[in-house]
């Protein structure tokens, strides 16, 4: 998981574009958007994280705080 990649996806693409990329990855197809990552698993992780962040933004949370909340959830889940 690379936070700069996730942040870039959340800032660059819409929720709908990210969801379409998620579906393409699940169907083992190439997404229409550029997603950095060493393999499809890492790319999917980045897309899912950006989707979770944008869903929070849609609820009124500032992007910076949504990113912080997401990273904290990840840290708590692996602690």
PDB file of N, CA and C in Angstrom:
ATOM      1  N   UNK A   1       0.844  -1.175   0.000  1.00  0.00           N
ATOM      2  CA  UNK A   1       0.000   0.000   0.000  1.00  0.00           C
ATOM      3  C   UNK A   1       0.891   1.241   0.000  1.00  0.00           C
ATOM      4  N   UNK A   2       0.711   2.069  -0.998  1.00  0.00           N
ATOM      5  CA  UNK A   2       1.496   3.292  -1.112  1.00  0.00           C
ATOM      6  C   UNK A   2       0.559   4.495  -0.991  1.00  0.00           C
ATOM      7  N   UNK A   3       0.675   5.193   0.105  1.00  0.00           N
ATOM      8  CA  UNK A   3      -0.210   6.318   0.382  1.00  0.00           C
ATOM      9  C   UNK A   3      -0.189   7.389  -0.713  1.00  0.00           C
ATOM     10  N   UNK A   4       0.963   7.753  -1.271  1.00  0.00           N
ATOM     11  CA  UNK A   4       0.951   8.764  -2.336  1.00  0.00           C
ATOM     12  C   UNK A   4       0.122   8.330  -3.559  1.00  0.00           C
ATOM     13  N   UNK A   5       0.153   7.054  -3.869  1.00  0.00           N
ATOM     14  CA  UNK A   5      -0.635   6.539  -5.005  1.00  0.00           C
ATOM     15  C   UNK A   5      -2.119   6.642  -4.685  1.00  0.00           C
ATOM     16  N   UNK A   6      -2.496   6.255  -3.479  1.00  0.00           N
ATOM     17  CA  UNK A   6      -3.897   6.306  -3.060  1.00  0.00           C
ATOM     18  C   UNK A   6      -4.394   7.746  -3.080  1.00  0.00           C
ATOM     19  N   UNK A   7      -3.611   8.659  -2.530  1.00  0.00           N
ATOM     20  CA  UNK A   7      -3.980  10.070  -2.503  1.00  0.00           C
ATOM     21  C   UNK A   7      -4.153  10.609  -3.919  1.00  0.00           C
ATOM     22  N   UNK A   8      -3.252  10.253  -4.801  1.00  0.00           N
ATOM     23  CA  UNK A   8      -3.334  10.705  -6.192  1.00  0.00           C
ATOM     24  C   UNK A   8      -4.601  10.184  -6.864  1.00  0.00           C
ATOM     25  N   UNK A   9      -4.935   8.923  -6.638  1.00  0.00           N
ATOM     26  CA  UNK A   9      -6.160   8.368  -7.213  1.00  0.00           C
ATOM     27  C   UNK A   9      -7.389   9.111  -6.696  1.00  0.00           C
ATOM     28  N   UNK A  10      -7.422   9.363  -5.390  1.00  0.00           N
ATOM     29  CA  UNK A  10      -8.570  10.038  -4.783  1.00  0.00           C
ATOM     30  C   UNK A  10      -8.706  11.475  -5.287  1.00  0.00           C
ATOM     31  N   UNK A  11      -7.593  12.110  -5.584  1.00  0.00           N
ATOM     32  CA  UNK A  11      -7.626  13.498  -6.063  1.00  0.00           C
ATOM     33  C   UNK A  11      -7.907  13.591  -7.561  1.00  0.00           C
ATOM     34  N   UNK A  12      -7.571  12.541  -8.299  1.00  0.00           N
ATOM     35  CA  UNK A  12      -7.615  12.603  -9.760  1.00  0.00           C
ATOM     36  C   UNK A  12      -8.903  12.056 -10.357  1.00  0.00           C
ATOM     37  N   UNK A  13      -9.443  11.013  -9.769  1.00  0.00           N
ATOM     38  CA  UNK A  13     -10.573  10.309 -10.383  1.00  0.00           C
ATOM     39  C   UNK A  13     -11.840  10.427  -9.548  1.00  0.00           C
ATOM     40  N   UNK A  14     -12.966  10.236 -10.220  1.00  0.00           N
ATOM     41  CA  UNK A  14     -14.251  10.243  -9.530  1.00  0.00           C
ATOM     42  C   UNK A  14     -14.503   8.874  -8.905  1.00  0.00           C
ATOM     43  N   UNK A  15     -15.465   8.841  -8.023  1.00  0.00           N
ATOM     44  CA  UNK A  15     -15.844   7.586  -7.386  1.00  0.00           C
ATOM     45  C   UNK A  15     -16.282   6.574  -8.446  1.00  0.00           C
ATOM     46  N   UNK A  16     -17.023   7.027  -9.444  1.00  0.00           N
ATOM     47  CA  UNK A  16     -17.505   6.141 -10.497  1.00  0.00           C
ATOM     48  C   UNK A  16     -16.343   5.562 -11.320  1.00  0.00           C
ATOM     49  N   UNK A  17     -15.349   6.385 -11.612  1.00  0.00           N
ATOM     50  CA  UNK A  17     -14.185   5.899 -12.358  1.00  0.00           C
ATOM     51  C   UNK A  17     -13.414   4.851 -11.557  1.00  0.00           C
ATOM     52  N   UNK A  18     -13.290   5.097 -10.275  1.00  0.00           N
ATOM     53  CA  UNK A  18     -12.581   4.147  -9.421  1.00  0.00           C
ATOM     54  C   UNK A  18     -13.355   2.838  -9.277  1.00  0.00           C
ATOM     55  N   UNK A  19     -14.664   2.932  -9.178  1.00  0.00           N
ATOM     56  CA  UNK A  19     -15.481   1.723  -9.086  1.00  0.00           C
ATOM     57  C   UNK A  19     -15.418   0.918 -10.379  1.00  0.00           C
ATOM     58  N   UNK A  20     -15.369   1.602 -11.517  1.00  0.00           N
ATOM     59  CA  UNK A  20     -15.225   0.906 -12.800  1.00  0.00           C
ATOM     60  C   UNK A  20     -13.864   0.212 -12.867  1.00  0.00           C
ATOM     61  N   UNK A  21     -12.828   0.860 -12.363  1.00  0.00           N
ATOM     62  CA  UNK A  21     -11.497   0.251 -12.324  1.00  0.00           C
ATOM     63  C   UNK A  21     -11.493  -0.964 -11.404  1.00  0.00           C
ATOM     64  N   UNK A  22     -12.172  -0.850 -10.277  1.00  0.00           N
ATOM     65  CA  UNK A  22     -12.280  -1.978  -9.338  1.00  0.00           C
ATOM     66  C   UNK A  22     -12.922  -3.174 -10.045  1.00  0.00           C
ATOM     67  N   UNK A  23     -14.026  -2.932 -10.729  1.00  0.00           N
ATOM     68  CA  UNK A  23     -14.717  -4.014 -11.436  1.00  0.00           C
ATOM     69  C   UNK A  23     -13.834  -4.624 -12.519  1.00  0.00           C
ATOM     70  N   UNK A  24     -13.105  -3.786 -13.242  1.00  0.00           N
ATOM     71  CA  UNK A  24     -12.205  -4.298 -14.282  1.00  0.00           C
ATOM     72  C   UNK A  24     -11.140  -5.211 -13.669  1.00  0.00           C
ATOM     73  N   UNK A  25     -10.577  -4.802 -12.546  1.00  0.00           N
ATOM     74  CA  UNK A  25      -9.558  -5.625 -11.895  1.00  0.00           C
ATOM     75  C   UNK A  25     -10.138  -6.949 -11.409  1.00  0.00           C
ATOM     76  N   UNK A  26     -11.364  -6.913 -10.863  1.00  0.00           N
ATOM     77  CA  UNK A  26     -12.005  -8.150 -10.427  1.00  0.00           C
ATOM     78  C   UNK A  26     -12.241  -9.098 -11.594  1.00  0.00           C
ATOM     79  N   UNK A  27     -12.512  -8.530 -12.763  1.00  0.00           N
ATOM     80  CA  UNK A  27     -12.773  -9.337 -13.957  1.00  0.00           C
ATOM     81  C   UNK A  27     -11.495  -9.636 -14.743  1.00  0.00           C
ATOM     82  N   UNK A  28     -10.351  -9.345 -14.128  1.00  0.00           N
ATOM     83  CA  UNK A  28      -9.036  -9.584 -14.709  1.00  0.00           C
ATOM     84  C   UNK A  28      -8.863  -8.874 -16.053  1.00  0.00           C
ATOM     85  N   UNK A  29      -9.435  -7.674 -16.140  1.00  0.00           N
ATOM     86  CA  UNK A  29      -9.282  -6.827 -17.318  1.00  0.00           C
ATOM     87  C   UNK A  29      -8.429  -5.626 -16.939  1.00  0.00           C
ATOM     88  N   UNK A  30      -7.946  -4.926 -17.950  1.00  0.00           N
ATOM     89  CA  UNK A  30      -7.144  -3.737 -17.704  1.00  0.00           C
ATOM     90  C   UNK A  30      -8.076  -2.548 -17.443  1.00  0.00           C
ATOM     91  N   UNK A  31      -7.893  -1.853 -16.326  1.00  0.00           N
ATOM     92  CA  UNK A  31      -8.729  -0.682 -16.035  1.00  0.00           C
ATOM     93  C   UNK A  31      -8.474   0.436 -17.048  1.00  0.00           C
ATOM     94  N   UNK A  32      -9.466   1.282 -17.226  1.00  0.00           N
ATOM     95  CA  UNK A  32      -9.330   2.411 -18.151  1.00  0.00           C
ATOM     96  C   UNK A  32      -8.472   3.533 -17.574  1.00  0.00           C
ATOM     97  N   UNK A  33      -8.255   3.517 -16.271  1.00  0.00           N
ATOM     98  CA  UNK A  33      -7.432   4.545 -15.642  1.00  0.00           C
ATOM     99  C   UNK A  33      -6.083   3.946 -15.256  1.00  0.00           C
ATOM    100  N   UNK A  34      -5.105   4.811 -15.103  1.00  0.00           N
ATOM    101  CA  UNK A  34      -3.761   4.369 -14.722  1.00  0.00           C
ATOM    102  C   UNK A  34      -3.700   4.201 -13.207  1.00  0.00           C
ATOM    103  N   UNK A  35      -3.309   3.003 -12.783  1.00  0.00           N
ATOM    104  CA  UNK A  35      -3.170   2.707 -11.360  1.00  0.00           C
ATOM    105  C   UNK A  35      -1.776   2.145 -11.139  1.00  0.00           C
ATOM    106  N   UNK A  36      -0.992   2.842 -10.339  1.00  0.00           N
ATOM    107  CA  UNK A  36       0.348   2.356 -10.043  1.00  0.00           C
ATOM    108  C   UNK A  36       0.272   1.177  -9.077  1.00  0.00           C
ATOM    109  N   UNK A  37       1.225   0.281  -9.213  1.00  0.00           N
ATOM    110  CA  UNK A  37       1.305  -0.872  -8.327  1.00  0.00           C
ATOM    111  C   UNK A  37       2.112  -1.964  -8.986  1.00  0.00           C
ATOM    112  N   UNK A  38       2.777  -2.762  -8.169  1.00  0.00           N
ATOM    113  CA  UNK A  38       3.660  -3.783  -8.725  1.00  0.00           C
ATOM    114  C   UNK A  38       2.897  -4.941  -9.349  1.00  0.00           C
ATOM    115  N   UNK A  39       1.648  -5.149  -8.919  1.00  0.00           N
ATOM    116  CA  UNK A  39       0.823  -6.204  -9.500  1.00  0.00           C
ATOM    117  C   UNK A  39      -0.652  -5.832  -9.339  1.00  0.00           C
ATOM    118  N   UNK A  40      -1.530  -6.689  -9.856  1.00  0.00           N
ATOM    119  CA  UNK A  40      -2.959  -6.382  -9.794  1.00  0.00           C
ATOM    120  C   UNK A  40      -3.484  -6.322  -8.363  1.00  0.00           C
ATOM    121  N   UNK A  41      -2.903  -7.110  -7.475  1.00  0.00           N
ATOM    122  CA  UNK A  41      -3.330  -7.090  -6.083  1.00  0.00           C
ATOM    123  C   UNK A  41      -3.055  -5.744  -5.431  1.00  0.00           C
ATOM    124  N   UNK A  42      -1.869  -5.208  -5.678  1.00  0.00           N
ATOM    125  CA  UNK A  42      -1.538  -3.898  -5.116  1.00  0.00           C
ATOM    126  C   UNK A  42      -2.377  -2.799  -5.771  1.00  0.00           C
ATOM    127  N   UNK A  43      -2.622  -2.921  -7.065  1.00  0.00           N
ATOM    128  CA  UNK A  43      -3.466  -1.946  -7.752  1.00  0.00           C
ATOM    129  C   UNK A  43      -4.878  -1.967  -7.170  1.00  0.00           C
ATOM    130  N   UNK A  44      -5.403  -3.158  -6.914  1.00  0.00           N
ATOM    131  CA  UNK A  44      -6.738  -3.278  -6.335  1.00  0.00           C
ATOM    132  C   UNK A  44      -6.772  -2.665  -4.935  1.00  0.00           C
ATOM    133  N   UNK A  45      -5.724  -2.892  -4.161  1.00  0.00           N
ATOM    134  CA  UNK A  45      -5.638  -2.290  -2.828  1.00  0.00           C
ATOM    135  C   UNK A  45      -5.692  -0.773  -2.917  1.00  0.00           C
ATOM    136  N   UNK A  46      -4.961  -0.206  -3.862  1.00  0.00           N
ATOM    137  CA  UNK A  46      -4.951   1.251  -4.030  1.00  0.00           C
ATOM    138  C   UNK A  46      -6.328   1.765  -4.435  1.00  0.00           C
ATOM    139  N   UNK A  47      -6.980   1.075  -5.353  1.00  0.00           N
ATOM    140  CA  UNK A  47      -8.315   1.503  -5.805  1.00  0.00           C
ATOM    141  C   UNK A  47      -9.316   1.410  -4.663  1.00  0.00           C
ATOM    142  N   UNK A  48      -9.315   0.304  -3.937  1.00  0.00           N
ATOM    143  CA  UNK A  48     -10.257   0.136  -2.830  1.00  0.00           C
ATOM    144  C   UNK A  48     -10.056   1.205  -1.758  1.00  0.00           C
ATOM    145  N   UNK A  49      -8.815   1.541  -1.482  1.00  0.00           N
ATOM    146  CA  UNK A  49      -8.529   2.581  -0.499  1.00  0.00           C
ATOM    147  C   UNK A  49      -9.043   3.934  -0.977  1.00  0.00           C
ATOM    148  N   UNK A  50      -8.798   4.256  -2.245  1.00  0.00           N
ATOM    149  CA  UNK A  50      -9.263   5.538  -2.795  1.00  0.00           C
ATOM    150  C   UNK A  50     -10.791   5.599  -2.787  1.00  0.00           C
ATOM    151  N   UNK A  51     -11.443   4.488  -3.061  1.00  0.00           N
ATOM    152  CA  UNK A  51     -12.914   4.442  -3.015  1.00  0.00           C
ATOM    153  C   UNK A  51     -13.394   4.715  -1.596  1.00  0.00           C
ATOM    154  N   UNK A  52     -12.798   4.056  -0.622  1.00  0.00           N
ATOM    155  CA  UNK A  52     -13.198   4.264   0.779  1.00  0.00           C
ATOM    156  C   UNK A  52     -13.012   5.722   1.182  1.00  0.00           C
ATOM    157  N   UNK A  53     -11.942   6.328   0.736  1.00  0.00           N
ATOM    158  CA  UNK A  53     -11.670   7.731   1.064  1.00  0.00           C
ATOM    159  C   UNK A  53     -12.707   8.644   0.410  1.00  0.00           C
ATOM    160  N   UNK A  54     -12.992   8.415  -0.859  1.00  0.00           N
ATOM    161  CA  UNK A  54     -13.975   9.272  -1.545  1.00  0.00           C
ATOM    162  C   UNK A  54     -15.390   9.082  -1.005  1.00  0.00           C
ATOM    163  N   UNK A  55     -15.691   7.899  -0.509  1.00  0.00           N
ATOM    164  CA  UNK A  55     -17.000   7.692   0.122  1.00  0.00           C
ATOM    165  C   UNK A  55     -17.119   8.534   1.388  1.00  0.00           C
ATOM    166  N   UNK A  56     -16.031   8.673   2.128  1.00  0.00           N
ATOM    167  CA  UNK A  56     -16.042   9.556   3.304  1.00  0.00           C
ATOM    168  C   UNK A  56     -16.167  11.012   2.889  1.00  0.00           C
ATOM    169  N   UNK A  57     -15.452  11.395   1.838  1.00  0.00           N
ATOM    170  CA  UNK A  57     -15.527  12.769   1.341  1.00  0.00           C
ATOM    171  C   UNK A  57     -16.964  13.088   0.933  1.00  0.00           C
ATOM    172  N   UNK A  58     -17.654  12.128   0.329  1.00  0.00           N
ATOM    173  CA  UNK A  58     -19.042  12.328  -0.085  1.00  0.00           C
ATOM    174  C   UNK A  58     -19.960  12.574   1.118  1.00  0.00           C
ATOM    175  N   UNK A  59     -19.542  12.116   2.288  1.00  0.00           N
ATOM    176  CA  UNK A  59     -20.312  12.337   3.519  1.00  0.00           C
ATOM    177  C   UNK A  59     -19.966  13.658   4.187  1.00  0.00           C
ATOM    178  N   UNK A  60     -19.047  14.423   3.564  1.00  0.00           N
ATOM    179  CA  UNK A  60     -18.711  15.731   4.097  1.00  0.00           C
ATOM    180  C   UNK A  60     -17.374  15.830   4.807  1.00  0.00           C
ATOM    181  N   UNK A  61     -16.612  14.748   4.828  1.00  0.00           N
ATOM    182  CA  UNK A  61     -15.303  14.760   5.472  1.00  0.00           C
ATOM    183  C   UNK A  61     -14.292  15.369   4.498  1.00  0.00           C
ATOM    184  N   UNK A  62     -13.427  16.227   5.009  1.00  0.00           N
ATOM    185  CA  UNK A  62     -12.368  16.825   4.191  1.00  0.00           C
ATOM    186  C   UNK A  62     -11.425  15.724   3.707  1.00  0.00           C
ATOM    187  N   UNK A  63     -10.911  15.850   2.482  1.00  0.00           N
ATOM    188  CA  UNK A  63     -10.055  14.824   1.883  1.00  0.00           C
ATOM    189  C   UNK A  63      -8.884  14.459   2.791  1.00  0.00           C
ATOM    190  N   UNK A  64      -8.204  15.446   3.323  1.00  0.00           N
ATOM    191  CA  UNK A  64      -7.050  15.193   4.187  1.00  0.00           C
ATOM    192  C   UNK A  64      -7.445  14.351   5.401  1.00  0.00           C
ATOM    193  N   UNK A  65      -8.588  14.656   5.989  1.00  0.00           N
ATOM    194  CA  UNK A  65      -9.049  13.899   7.158  1.00  0.00           C
ATOM    195  C   UNK A  65      -9.508  12.495   6.763  1.00  0.00           C
ATOM    196  N   UNK A  66     -10.115  12.379   5.597  1.00  0.00           N
ATOM    197  CA  UNK A  66     -10.559  11.062   5.125  1.00  0.00           C
ATOM    198  C   UNK A  66      -9.357  10.149   4.907  1.00  0.00           C
ATOM    199  N   UNK A  67      -8.276  10.701   4.375  1.00  0.00           N
ATOM    200  CA  UNK A  67      -7.052   9.922   4.189  1.00  0.00           C
ATOM    201  C   UNK A  67      -6.484   9.518   5.541  1.00  0.00           C
ATOM    202  N   UNK A  68      -6.452  10.448   6.462  1.00  0.00           N
ATOM    203  CA  UNK A  68      -5.947  10.155   7.809  1.00  0.00           C
ATOM    204  C   UNK A  68      -6.795   9.071   8.485  1.00  0.00           C
ATOM    205  N   UNK A  69      -8.115   9.182   8.372  1.00  0.00           N
ATOM    206  CA  UNK A  69      -9.005   8.187   8.971  1.00  0.00           C
ATOM    207  C   UNK A  69      -8.752   6.799   8.376  1.00  0.00           C
ATOM    208  N   UNK A  70      -8.554   6.752   7.060  1.00  0.00           N
ATOM    209  CA  UNK A  70      -8.309   5.472   6.404  1.00  0.00           C
ATOM    210  C   UNK A  70      -6.998   4.850   6.893  1.00  0.00           C
ATOM    211  N   UNK A  71      -5.943   5.632   6.933  1.00  0.00           N
ATOM    212  CA  UNK A  71      -4.652   5.080   7.362  1.00  0.00           C
ATOM    213  C   UNK A  71      -4.707   4.624   8.819  1.00  0.00           C
ATOM    214  N   UNK A  72      -5.467   5.331   9.626  1.00  0.00           N
ATOM    215  CA  UNK A  72      -5.609   4.918  11.025  1.00  0.00           C
ATOM    216  C   UNK A  72      -6.362   3.591  11.118  1.00  0.00           C
ATOM    217  N   UNK A  73      -7.408   3.416  10.295  1.00  0.00           N
ATOM    218  CA  UNK A  73      -8.136   2.140  10.284  1.00  0.00           C
ATOM    219  C   UNK A  73      -7.209   0.991   9.883  1.00  0.00           C
ATOM    220  N   UNK A  74      -6.353   1.235   8.891  1.00  0.00           N
ATOM    221  CA  UNK A  74      -5.419   0.201   8.455  1.00  0.00           C
ATOM    222  C   UNK A  74      -4.441  -0.128   9.581  1.00  0.00           C
ATOM    223  N   UNK A  75      -3.891   0.893  10.221  1.00  0.00           N
ATOM    224  CA  UNK A  75      -2.956   0.651  11.324  1.00  0.00           C
ATOM    225  C   UNK A  75      -3.605  -0.132  12.444  1.00  0.00           C
ATOM    226  N   UNK A  76      -4.835   0.241  12.781  1.00  0.00           N
ATOM    227  CA  UNK A  76      -5.538  -0.458  13.864  1.00  0.00           C
ATOM    228  C   UNK A  76      -5.833  -1.920  13.501  1.00  0.00           C
ATOM    229  N   UNK A  77      -6.090  -2.183  12.226  1.00  0.00           N
ATOM    230  CA  UNK A  77      -6.427  -3.548  11.820  1.00  0.00           C
ATOM    231  C   UNK A  77      -5.205  -4.463  11.837  1.00  0.00           C
ATOM    232  N   UNK A  78      -4.008  -3.910  11.711  1.00  0.00           N
ATOM    233  CA  UNK A  78      -2.814  -4.765  11.702  1.00  0.00           C
ATOM    234  C   UNK A  78      -2.081  -4.739  13.047  1.00  0.00           C
ATOM    235  N   UNK A  79      -2.600  -3.999  13.995  1.00  0.00           N
ATOM    236  CA  UNK A  79      -1.946  -3.935  15.317  1.00  0.00           C
ATOM    237  C   UNK A  79      -2.388  -5.085  16.188  1.00  0.00           C
TER     238      UNK A  79
END
